[in-house]
Amino acid sequence: MAKKLTTPINEETRKSLTVGEEILISGYIYTARDAAHKLLVDAIKNKEKLPFDLIDQVVYYVGPTPAKPNQVIGACGPTSSYRMDKFSPELMKRGLNVMIGKGPRSEEFIDAVKENKAVYLLAIGGLGAKLSKTVKENTTIAYEYLQSEAIHRLKVVEFPVIVAIDYLGNTIFQ
């Protein structure tokens, strides 16, 4: 039976998650791929205001397809997470400690997870159309010119994920 969580997800809740555990997330999550991650890190370095408060939020590595008529969002399957590895430690230092994607992560990323008591969750690749049915609202909040890689704020209901790396650095990939 999957554990149900509501965003934002605080440290106490993150510490309760174990590798391989199935989770259903409800609430607001944010989308960001590598182009948006670079812009967020650049904004931090330039002491600029970020488009959303990172603390205890969830970022989903996805570039959704355009919505068809009467849809909130198009297919929204996860993208390969390794492309965010060089940006993620800086964002974790600022409070972004729940990330959703697919695939394994670097040792540097895992070290940052442990240091920041973060977690990495897997969404199942190839299920973009099914995952889109959990999205009830979709609002572009930043970097609209990036098109599918813009940052969106999604309201999700029971978005299914699996704990891939827990806050201790234990990983499903080994």
N, C-alpha and C. Protein backbone atom coordinates (compact mmCIF):
# COMPACT_ATOMS: atom_id res chain seq x y z
N MET A 1 0.84 -1.18 0.00
CA MET A 1 0.00 0.00 0.00
C MET A 1 0.89 1.25 0.00
N ALA A 2 0.64 2.16 -0.91
CA ALA A 2 1.45 3.36 -1.05
C ALA A 2 1.18 4.35 0.09
N LYS A 3 2.26 5.02 0.50
CA LYS A 3 2.16 6.08 1.51
C LYS A 3 1.69 7.35 0.80
N LYS A 4 0.73 8.05 1.38
CA LYS A 4 0.23 9.29 0.81
C LYS A 4 0.88 10.48 1.49
N LEU A 5 1.43 11.39 0.67
CA LEU A 5 2.08 12.60 1.17
C LEU A 5 1.45 13.81 0.51
N THR A 6 1.44 14.91 1.25
CA THR A 6 0.96 16.19 0.72
C THR A 6 2.11 17.19 0.79
N THR A 7 2.28 17.95 -0.29
CA THR A 7 3.33 18.96 -0.34
C THR A 7 2.90 20.19 0.47
N PRO A 8 3.89 20.95 0.97
CA PRO A 8 5.34 20.72 0.94
C PRO A 8 5.71 19.54 1.83
N ILE A 9 6.91 18.99 1.58
CA ILE A 9 7.38 17.79 2.28
C ILE A 9 8.57 18.17 3.15
N ASN A 10 8.35 18.17 4.46
CA ASN A 10 9.37 18.64 5.40
C ASN A 10 10.40 17.55 5.72
N GLU A 11 11.41 17.94 6.47
CA GLU A 11 12.52 17.03 6.79
C GLU A 11 12.05 15.81 7.56
N GLU A 12 11.18 15.98 8.52
CA GLU A 12 10.69 14.84 9.30
C GLU A 12 10.04 13.80 8.38
N THR A 13 9.24 14.26 7.43
CA THR A 13 8.59 13.35 6.49
C THR A 13 9.62 12.70 5.57
N ARG A 14 10.58 13.48 5.08
CA ARG A 14 11.63 12.91 4.21
C ARG A 14 12.38 11.80 4.93
N LYS A 15 12.66 12.01 6.20
CA LYS A 15 13.40 11.01 6.97
C LYS A 15 12.60 9.73 7.18
N SER A 16 11.29 9.79 7.02
CA SER A 16 10.45 8.60 7.21
C SER A 16 10.39 7.73 5.95
N LEU A 17 10.94 8.20 4.84
CA LEU A 17 10.85 7.47 3.57
C LEU A 17 11.98 6.48 3.42
N THR A 18 11.67 5.30 2.88
CA THR A 18 12.67 4.26 2.70
C THR A 18 12.77 3.86 1.23
N VAL A 19 13.95 3.45 0.83
CA VAL A 19 14.21 3.05 -0.55
C VAL A 19 13.23 1.96 -0.97
N GLY A 20 12.64 2.15 -2.15
CA GLY A 20 11.69 1.19 -2.71
C GLY A 20 10.26 1.44 -2.31
N GLU A 21 10.05 2.33 -1.37
CA GLU A 21 8.69 2.62 -0.89
C GLU A 21 7.90 3.35 -1.98
N GLU A 22 6.65 2.97 -2.13
CA GLU A 22 5.75 3.61 -3.09
C GLU A 22 5.04 4.77 -2.40
N ILE A 23 5.01 5.91 -3.10
CA ILE A 23 4.45 7.14 -2.55
C ILE A 23 3.41 7.69 -3.53
N LEU A 24 2.36 8.30 -3.00
CA LEU A 24 1.40 9.05 -3.81
C LEU A 24 1.44 10.49 -3.30
N ILE A 25 1.88 11.42 -4.17
CA ILE A 25 2.02 12.82 -3.79
C ILE A 25 0.80 13.61 -4.25
N SER A 26 0.28 14.42 -3.34
CA SER A 26 -0.79 15.36 -3.68
C SER A 26 -0.35 16.75 -3.24
N GLY A 27 -0.83 17.75 -3.95
CA GLY A 27 -0.47 19.14 -3.65
C GLY A 27 0.22 19.77 -4.85
N TYR A 28 1.04 20.77 -4.58
CA TYR A 28 1.72 21.48 -5.66
C TYR A 28 3.16 20.99 -5.81
N ILE A 29 3.55 20.74 -7.05
CA ILE A 29 4.93 20.42 -7.38
C ILE A 29 5.34 21.35 -8.53
N TYR A 30 6.63 21.48 -8.74
CA TYR A 30 7.16 22.37 -9.77
C TYR A 30 7.94 21.56 -10.80
N THR A 31 7.86 21.98 -12.04
CA THR A 31 8.63 21.33 -13.09
C THR A 31 9.90 22.14 -13.35
N ALA A 32 10.97 21.43 -13.66
CA ALA A 32 12.22 22.11 -14.05
C ALA A 32 13.16 21.07 -14.64
N ARG A 33 13.63 21.36 -15.82
CA ARG A 33 14.65 20.53 -16.45
C ARG A 33 15.98 21.26 -16.41
N ASP A 34 16.97 20.79 -17.18
CA ASP A 34 18.32 21.33 -17.06
C ASP A 34 18.42 22.82 -17.41
N ALA A 35 17.70 23.30 -18.42
CA ALA A 35 17.78 24.73 -18.77
C ALA A 35 17.26 25.59 -17.62
N ALA A 36 16.16 25.19 -17.02
CA ALA A 36 15.61 25.94 -15.89
C ALA A 36 16.52 25.83 -14.67
N HIS A 37 17.11 24.65 -14.45
CA HIS A 37 18.03 24.49 -13.33
C HIS A 37 19.21 25.46 -13.46
N LYS A 38 19.74 25.58 -14.66
CA LYS A 38 20.86 26.50 -14.87
C LYS A 38 20.44 27.93 -14.53
N LEU A 39 19.25 28.33 -14.97
CA LEU A 39 18.76 29.68 -14.70
C LEU A 39 18.53 29.89 -13.20
N LEU A 40 18.04 28.89 -12.50
CA LEU A 40 17.86 29.01 -11.05
C LEU A 40 19.19 29.19 -10.34
N VAL A 41 20.20 28.38 -10.72
CA VAL A 41 21.51 28.49 -10.09
C VAL A 41 22.16 29.84 -10.44
N ASP A 42 22.00 30.29 -11.67
CA ASP A 42 22.51 31.62 -12.05
C ASP A 42 21.86 32.71 -11.21
N ALA A 43 20.55 32.60 -10.99
CA ALA A 43 19.84 33.59 -10.17
C ALA A 43 20.38 33.59 -8.75
N ILE A 44 20.66 32.43 -8.20
CA ILE A 44 21.23 32.34 -6.85
C ILE A 44 22.59 33.02 -6.82
N LYS A 45 23.44 32.73 -7.79
CA LYS A 45 24.78 33.33 -7.84
C LYS A 45 24.71 34.84 -7.98
N ASN A 46 23.68 35.33 -8.69
CA ASN A 46 23.52 36.77 -8.91
C ASN A 46 22.66 37.44 -7.85
N LYS A 47 22.31 36.66 -6.80
CA LYS A 47 21.50 37.17 -5.68
C LYS A 47 20.16 37.73 -6.14
N GLU A 48 19.58 37.07 -7.14
CA GLU A 48 18.26 37.45 -7.66
C GLU A 48 17.18 36.63 -6.98
N LYS A 49 15.97 37.17 -6.97
CA LYS A 49 14.82 36.46 -6.39
C LYS A 49 14.47 35.27 -7.28
N LEU A 50 14.22 34.14 -6.66
CA LEU A 50 13.82 32.95 -7.41
C LEU A 50 12.31 32.97 -7.69
N PRO A 51 11.88 32.28 -8.73
CA PRO A 51 10.45 32.32 -9.09
C PRO A 51 9.53 31.60 -8.10
N PHE A 52 10.10 30.77 -7.22
CA PHE A 52 9.32 30.15 -6.15
C PHE A 52 10.27 29.81 -5.01
N ASP A 53 9.71 29.72 -3.81
CA ASP A 53 10.48 29.38 -2.62
C ASP A 53 10.82 27.89 -2.68
N LEU A 54 12.09 27.56 -2.63
CA LEU A 54 12.54 26.19 -2.78
C LEU A 54 12.31 25.32 -1.54
N ILE A 55 12.18 25.93 -0.39
CA ILE A 55 12.17 25.18 0.87
C ILE A 55 11.01 24.19 0.92
N ASP A 56 11.40 22.92 1.08
CA ASP A 56 10.46 21.80 1.24
C ASP A 56 9.56 21.55 0.01
N GLN A 57 9.90 22.16 -1.11
CA GLN A 57 9.10 21.95 -2.32
C GLN A 57 9.58 20.71 -3.07
N VAL A 58 8.82 20.34 -4.07
CA VAL A 58 9.11 19.17 -4.90
C VAL A 58 9.33 19.65 -6.32
N VAL A 59 10.43 19.24 -6.94
CA VAL A 59 10.67 19.55 -8.35
C VAL A 59 10.66 18.25 -9.14
N TYR A 60 9.91 18.28 -10.23
CA TYR A 60 9.76 17.14 -11.13
C TYR A 60 10.50 17.47 -12.40
N TYR A 61 11.43 16.61 -12.78
CA TYR A 61 12.21 16.79 -14.00
C TYR A 61 11.37 16.34 -15.19
N VAL A 62 10.70 17.28 -15.79
CA VAL A 62 9.78 16.96 -16.88
C VAL A 62 9.66 18.17 -17.81
N GLY A 63 9.48 17.88 -19.08
CA GLY A 63 9.13 18.89 -20.08
C GLY A 63 7.82 18.44 -20.70
N PRO A 64 6.70 18.83 -20.13
CA PRO A 64 5.42 18.30 -20.60
C PRO A 64 5.13 18.67 -22.05
N THR A 65 4.41 17.79 -22.73
CA THR A 65 3.98 18.09 -24.09
C THR A 65 2.79 19.05 -24.01
N PRO A 66 2.50 19.77 -25.10
CA PRO A 66 1.36 20.69 -25.06
C PRO A 66 0.06 19.95 -24.77
N ALA A 67 -0.80 20.63 -24.05
CA ALA A 67 -2.11 20.06 -23.72
C ALA A 67 -3.00 20.05 -24.95
N LYS A 68 -3.76 19.01 -25.10
CA LYS A 68 -4.78 18.95 -26.15
C LYS A 68 -6.04 19.63 -25.61
N PRO A 69 -7.01 19.93 -26.47
CA PRO A 69 -8.24 20.55 -25.97
C PRO A 69 -8.85 19.76 -24.81
N ASN A 70 -9.31 20.49 -23.81
CA ASN A 70 -9.94 19.92 -22.61
C ASN A 70 -8.96 19.13 -21.72
N GLN A 71 -7.67 19.36 -21.89
CA GLN A 71 -6.67 18.76 -21.02
C GLN A 71 -5.94 19.86 -20.25
N VAL A 72 -5.51 19.53 -19.05
CA VAL A 72 -4.72 20.45 -18.23
C VAL A 72 -3.28 20.48 -18.71
N ILE A 73 -2.79 19.33 -19.15
CA ILE A 73 -1.40 19.17 -19.55
C ILE A 73 -1.32 18.02 -20.55
N GLY A 74 -0.30 18.02 -21.36
CA GLY A 74 -0.06 16.87 -22.24
C GLY A 74 0.67 15.79 -21.47
N ALA A 75 1.23 14.85 -22.19
CA ALA A 75 2.00 13.78 -21.53
C ALA A 75 3.12 14.41 -20.71
N CYS A 76 3.34 13.83 -19.55
CA CYS A 76 4.35 14.43 -18.64
C CYS A 76 5.16 13.35 -17.95
N GLY A 77 5.89 12.60 -18.76
CA GLY A 77 6.78 11.58 -18.22
C GLY A 77 8.11 12.18 -17.80
N PRO A 78 8.81 11.53 -16.89
CA PRO A 78 10.07 12.06 -16.36
C PRO A 78 11.18 12.05 -17.40
N THR A 79 12.11 12.99 -17.23
CA THR A 79 13.31 13.00 -18.06
C THR A 79 14.48 12.45 -17.25
N SER A 80 15.54 12.10 -17.95
CA SER A 80 16.73 11.55 -17.29
C SER A 80 17.32 12.58 -16.33
N SER A 81 17.53 12.16 -15.12
CA SER A 81 17.89 13.07 -14.04
C SER A 81 19.36 13.48 -14.01
N TYR A 82 20.24 12.67 -14.57
CA TYR A 82 21.67 12.95 -14.45
C TYR A 82 22.04 14.34 -14.96
N ARG A 83 21.24 14.89 -15.88
CA ARG A 83 21.56 16.23 -16.43
C ARG A 83 21.41 17.33 -15.38
N MET A 84 20.71 17.06 -14.30
CA MET A 84 20.53 18.04 -13.24
C MET A 84 21.57 17.91 -12.13
N ASP A 85 22.41 16.88 -12.21
CA ASP A 85 23.35 16.61 -11.12
C ASP A 85 24.29 17.77 -10.81
N LYS A 86 24.73 18.49 -11.83
CA LYS A 86 25.68 19.59 -11.56
C LYS A 86 25.00 20.80 -10.93
N PHE A 87 23.67 20.89 -11.04
CA PHE A 87 22.94 22.03 -10.47
C PHE A 87 22.29 21.71 -9.13
N SER A 88 21.94 20.46 -8.93
CA SER A 88 21.13 20.07 -7.77
C SER A 88 21.76 20.38 -6.42
N PRO A 89 23.06 20.16 -6.20
CA PRO A 89 23.62 20.46 -4.87
C PRO A 89 23.38 21.92 -4.44
N GLU A 90 23.54 22.85 -5.35
CA GLU A 90 23.31 24.26 -4.99
C GLU A 90 21.85 24.51 -4.63
N LEU A 91 20.93 23.88 -5.34
CA LEU A 91 19.51 24.04 -5.04
C LEU A 91 19.14 23.36 -3.73
N MET A 92 19.77 22.23 -3.43
CA MET A 92 19.52 21.55 -2.16
C MET A 92 19.97 22.42 -0.99
N LYS A 93 21.10 23.11 -1.15
CA LYS A 93 21.57 24.01 -0.09
C LYS A 93 20.54 25.08 0.22
N ARG A 94 19.73 25.42 -0.76
CA ARG A 94 18.70 26.46 -0.62
C ARG A 94 17.34 25.90 -0.21
N GLY A 95 17.27 24.58 0.05
CA GLY A 95 16.05 24.00 0.59
C GLY A 95 15.26 23.10 -0.33
N LEU A 96 15.70 22.94 -1.58
CA LEU A 96 15.00 22.03 -2.49
C LEU A 96 15.48 20.62 -2.21
N ASN A 97 14.66 19.85 -1.51
CA ASN A 97 15.13 18.56 -1.04
C ASN A 97 14.25 17.39 -1.42
N VAL A 98 13.37 17.57 -2.40
CA VAL A 98 12.61 16.46 -2.98
C VAL A 98 12.63 16.65 -4.49
N MET A 99 13.21 15.69 -5.18
CA MET A 99 13.31 15.75 -6.64
C MET A 99 12.78 14.46 -7.23
N ILE A 100 12.08 14.59 -8.37
CA ILE A 100 11.48 13.44 -9.06
C ILE A 100 12.04 13.39 -10.47
N GLY A 101 12.49 12.22 -10.88
CA GLY A 101 12.98 12.04 -12.25
C GLY A 101 13.03 10.57 -12.58
N LYS A 102 13.99 10.22 -13.45
CA LYS A 102 14.22 8.81 -13.75
C LYS A 102 15.72 8.58 -13.89
N GLY A 103 16.12 7.38 -13.54
CA GLY A 103 17.51 6.98 -13.71
C GLY A 103 18.38 7.26 -12.51
N PRO A 104 19.59 6.66 -12.53
CA PRO A 104 20.54 6.82 -11.42
C PRO A 104 21.15 8.21 -11.37
N ARG A 105 21.80 8.49 -10.23
CA ARG A 105 22.42 9.80 -10.00
C ARG A 105 23.89 9.61 -9.68
N SER A 106 24.64 10.72 -9.77
CA SER A 106 26.08 10.70 -9.51
C SER A 106 26.38 10.60 -8.02
N GLU A 107 27.62 10.23 -7.71
CA GLU A 107 28.06 10.19 -6.30
C GLU A 107 27.97 11.58 -5.67
N GLU A 108 28.29 12.62 -6.45
CA GLU A 108 28.20 13.99 -5.92
C GLU A 108 26.77 14.33 -5.53
N PHE A 109 25.82 13.91 -6.35
CA PHE A 109 24.41 14.14 -6.04
C PHE A 109 24.03 13.40 -4.76
N ILE A 110 24.43 12.14 -4.66
CA ILE A 110 24.09 11.34 -3.47
C ILE A 110 24.72 11.95 -2.22
N ASP A 111 25.94 12.45 -2.32
CA ASP A 111 26.58 13.13 -1.19
C ASP A 111 25.77 14.36 -0.76
N ALA A 112 25.27 15.12 -1.74
CA ALA A 112 24.46 16.30 -1.43
C ALA A 112 23.12 15.90 -0.81
N VAL A 113 22.55 14.78 -1.25
CA VAL A 113 21.31 14.27 -0.65
C VAL A 113 21.54 14.00 0.84
N LYS A 114 22.64 13.31 1.15
CA LYS A 114 22.94 13.00 2.55
C LYS A 114 23.17 14.27 3.36
N GLU A 115 23.95 15.18 2.81
CA GLU A 115 24.27 16.42 3.51
C GLU A 115 23.03 17.26 3.81
N ASN A 116 22.07 17.25 2.89
CA ASN A 116 20.89 18.12 3.02
C ASN A 116 19.63 17.37 3.46
N LYS A 117 19.77 16.09 3.77
CA LYS A 117 18.63 15.26 4.18
C LYS A 117 17.51 15.34 3.16
N ALA A 118 17.91 15.16 1.91
CA ALA A 118 16.98 15.23 0.78
C ALA A 118 16.56 13.81 0.38
N VAL A 119 15.68 13.72 -0.61
CA VAL A 119 15.30 12.44 -1.19
C VAL A 119 15.15 12.60 -2.70
N TYR A 120 15.40 11.50 -3.39
CA TYR A 120 15.20 11.45 -4.84
C TYR A 120 14.17 10.37 -5.12
N LEU A 121 13.15 10.75 -5.87
CA LEU A 121 12.04 9.87 -6.17
C LEU A 121 12.00 9.56 -7.66
N LEU A 122 11.53 8.36 -7.99
CA LEU A 122 11.40 7.96 -9.39
C LEU A 122 9.95 8.01 -9.82
N ALA A 123 9.73 8.61 -10.98
CA ALA A 123 8.46 8.45 -11.70
C ALA A 123 8.77 7.45 -12.81
N ILE A 124 7.81 6.68 -13.19
CA ILE A 124 8.06 5.62 -14.16
C ILE A 124 8.05 6.19 -15.59
N GLY A 125 9.17 6.02 -16.28
CA GLY A 125 9.27 6.47 -17.67
C GLY A 125 8.31 5.67 -18.54
N GLY A 126 7.80 6.30 -19.58
CA GLY A 126 6.88 5.65 -20.50
C GLY A 126 5.43 5.76 -20.09
N LEU A 127 5.18 6.38 -18.94
CA LEU A 127 3.81 6.53 -18.45
C LEU A 127 3.34 7.98 -18.48
N GLY A 128 3.91 8.79 -19.37
CA GLY A 128 3.58 10.21 -19.40
C GLY A 128 2.11 10.51 -19.54
N ALA A 129 1.40 9.76 -20.37
CA ALA A 129 -0.04 10.01 -20.55
C ALA A 129 -0.80 9.67 -19.27
N LYS A 130 -0.43 8.57 -18.63
CA LYS A 130 -1.09 8.18 -17.38
C LYS A 130 -0.78 9.18 -16.26
N LEU A 131 0.48 9.59 -16.15
CA LEU A 131 0.86 10.56 -15.13
C LEU A 131 0.11 11.88 -15.31
N SER A 132 -0.16 12.26 -16.56
CA SER A 132 -0.84 13.54 -16.82
C SER A 132 -2.24 13.56 -16.20
N LYS A 133 -2.83 12.41 -16.00
CA LYS A 133 -4.18 12.34 -15.42
C LYS A 133 -4.19 12.72 -13.94
N THR A 134 -3.02 12.72 -13.29
CA THR A 134 -2.95 13.13 -11.89
C THR A 134 -2.83 14.65 -11.76
N VAL A 135 -2.58 15.36 -12.88
CA VAL A 135 -2.39 16.81 -12.85
C VAL A 135 -3.73 17.51 -13.01
N LYS A 136 -4.09 18.31 -12.01
CA LYS A 136 -5.39 18.99 -12.00
C LYS A 136 -5.30 20.46 -12.35
N GLU A 137 -4.12 21.05 -12.17
CA GLU A 137 -3.87 22.46 -12.55
C GLU A 137 -2.46 22.54 -13.09
N ASN A 138 -2.25 23.48 -14.03
CA ASN A 138 -0.95 23.68 -14.66
C ASN A 138 -0.79 25.16 -14.95
N THR A 139 0.15 25.80 -14.26
CA THR A 139 0.39 27.22 -14.44
C THR A 139 1.87 27.45 -14.72
N THR A 140 2.20 28.12 -15.81
CA THR A 140 3.59 28.49 -16.09
C THR A 140 3.94 29.64 -15.17
N ILE A 141 5.04 29.49 -14.40
CA ILE A 141 5.40 30.56 -13.46
C ILE A 141 6.72 31.25 -13.79
N ALA A 142 7.55 30.65 -14.66
CA ALA A 142 8.85 31.29 -14.95
C ALA A 142 9.44 30.74 -16.24
N TYR A 143 10.22 31.58 -16.89
CA TYR A 143 11.00 31.20 -18.07
C TYR A 143 10.11 30.65 -19.20
N GLU A 144 9.01 31.33 -19.44
CA GLU A 144 8.06 30.88 -20.47
C GLU A 144 8.73 30.69 -21.83
N TYR A 145 9.75 31.49 -22.13
CA TYR A 145 10.45 31.39 -23.41
C TYR A 145 11.15 30.04 -23.59
N LEU A 146 11.33 29.28 -22.51
CA LEU A 146 11.91 27.94 -22.62
C LEU A 146 10.90 26.91 -23.13
N GLN A 147 9.68 27.34 -23.30
CA GLN A 147 8.58 26.49 -23.79
C GLN A 147 8.40 25.27 -22.89
N SER A 148 8.63 24.07 -23.40
CA SER A 148 8.36 22.88 -22.59
C SER A 148 9.27 22.79 -21.37
N GLU A 149 10.39 23.52 -21.39
CA GLU A 149 11.30 23.51 -20.24
C GLU A 149 11.07 24.66 -19.27
N ALA A 150 10.00 25.44 -19.49
CA ALA A 150 9.65 26.50 -18.55
C ALA A 150 9.31 25.86 -17.20
N ILE A 151 9.31 26.68 -16.15
CA ILE A 151 8.90 26.16 -14.85
C ILE A 151 7.38 26.30 -14.74
N HIS A 152 6.76 25.17 -14.44
CA HIS A 152 5.30 25.11 -14.24
C HIS A 152 5.03 24.76 -12.79
N ARG A 153 3.92 25.26 -12.30
CA ARG A 153 3.41 24.86 -10.98
C ARG A 153 2.23 23.94 -11.27
N LEU A 154 2.36 22.69 -10.84
CA LEU A 154 1.32 21.70 -11.09
C LEU A 154 0.64 21.33 -9.78
N LYS A 155 -0.68 21.27 -9.84
CA LYS A 155 -1.42 20.69 -8.71
C LYS A 155 -1.69 19.25 -9.08
N VAL A 156 -1.19 18.33 -8.26
CA VAL A 156 -1.33 16.91 -8.54
C VAL A 156 -2.14 16.23 -7.43
N VAL A 157 -2.79 15.15 -7.81
CA VAL A 157 -3.52 14.32 -6.86
C VAL A 157 -3.05 12.89 -7.04
N GLU A 158 -2.42 12.37 -5.99
CA GLU A 158 -1.91 11.00 -5.96
C GLU A 158 -0.98 10.69 -7.14
N PHE A 159 0.02 11.55 -7.31
CA PHE A 159 1.06 11.36 -8.32
C PHE A 159 1.98 10.24 -7.83
N PRO A 160 2.09 9.13 -8.58
CA PRO A 160 2.82 7.96 -8.08
C PRO A 160 4.33 8.03 -8.32
N VAL A 161 5.08 7.78 -7.25
CA VAL A 161 6.54 7.75 -7.32
C VAL A 161 7.06 6.63 -6.42
N ILE A 162 8.35 6.34 -6.57
CA ILE A 162 9.04 5.35 -5.75
C ILE A 162 10.28 6.01 -5.17
N VAL A 163 10.57 5.76 -3.91
CA VAL A 163 11.77 6.31 -3.28
C VAL A 163 12.99 5.61 -3.87
N ALA A 164 13.84 6.38 -4.55
CA ALA A 164 15.04 5.83 -5.18
C ALA A 164 16.29 6.05 -4.35
N ILE A 165 16.39 7.21 -3.68
CA ILE A 165 17.51 7.51 -2.80
C ILE A 165 16.93 8.15 -1.55
N ASP A 166 17.19 7.56 -0.39
CA ASP A 166 16.68 8.14 0.84
C ASP A 166 17.66 9.16 1.41
N TYR A 167 17.29 9.78 2.51
CA TYR A 167 18.10 10.87 3.07
C TYR A 167 19.46 10.41 3.58
N LEU A 168 19.61 9.09 3.77
CA LEU A 168 20.90 8.54 4.20
C LEU A 168 21.81 8.19 3.04
N GLY A 169 21.30 8.32 1.81
CA GLY A 169 22.07 7.99 0.62
C GLY A 169 21.90 6.55 0.17
N ASN A 170 21.04 5.78 0.84
CA ASN A 170 20.73 4.45 0.38
C ASN A 170 20.03 4.57 -0.98
N THR A 171 20.36 3.68 -1.91
CA THR A 171 19.85 3.83 -3.26
C THR A 171 19.26 2.53 -3.80
N ILE A 172 18.25 2.66 -4.58
CA ILE A 172 17.59 1.53 -5.24
C ILE A 172 18.44 0.98 -6.38
N PHE A 173 19.44 1.75 -6.80
CA PHE A 173 20.24 1.38 -7.97
C PHE A 173 21.41 0.45 -7.66
N GLN A 174 21.61 0.08 -6.41
CA GLN A 174 22.73 -0.81 -6.06
C GLN A 174 22.23 -2.10 -5.46
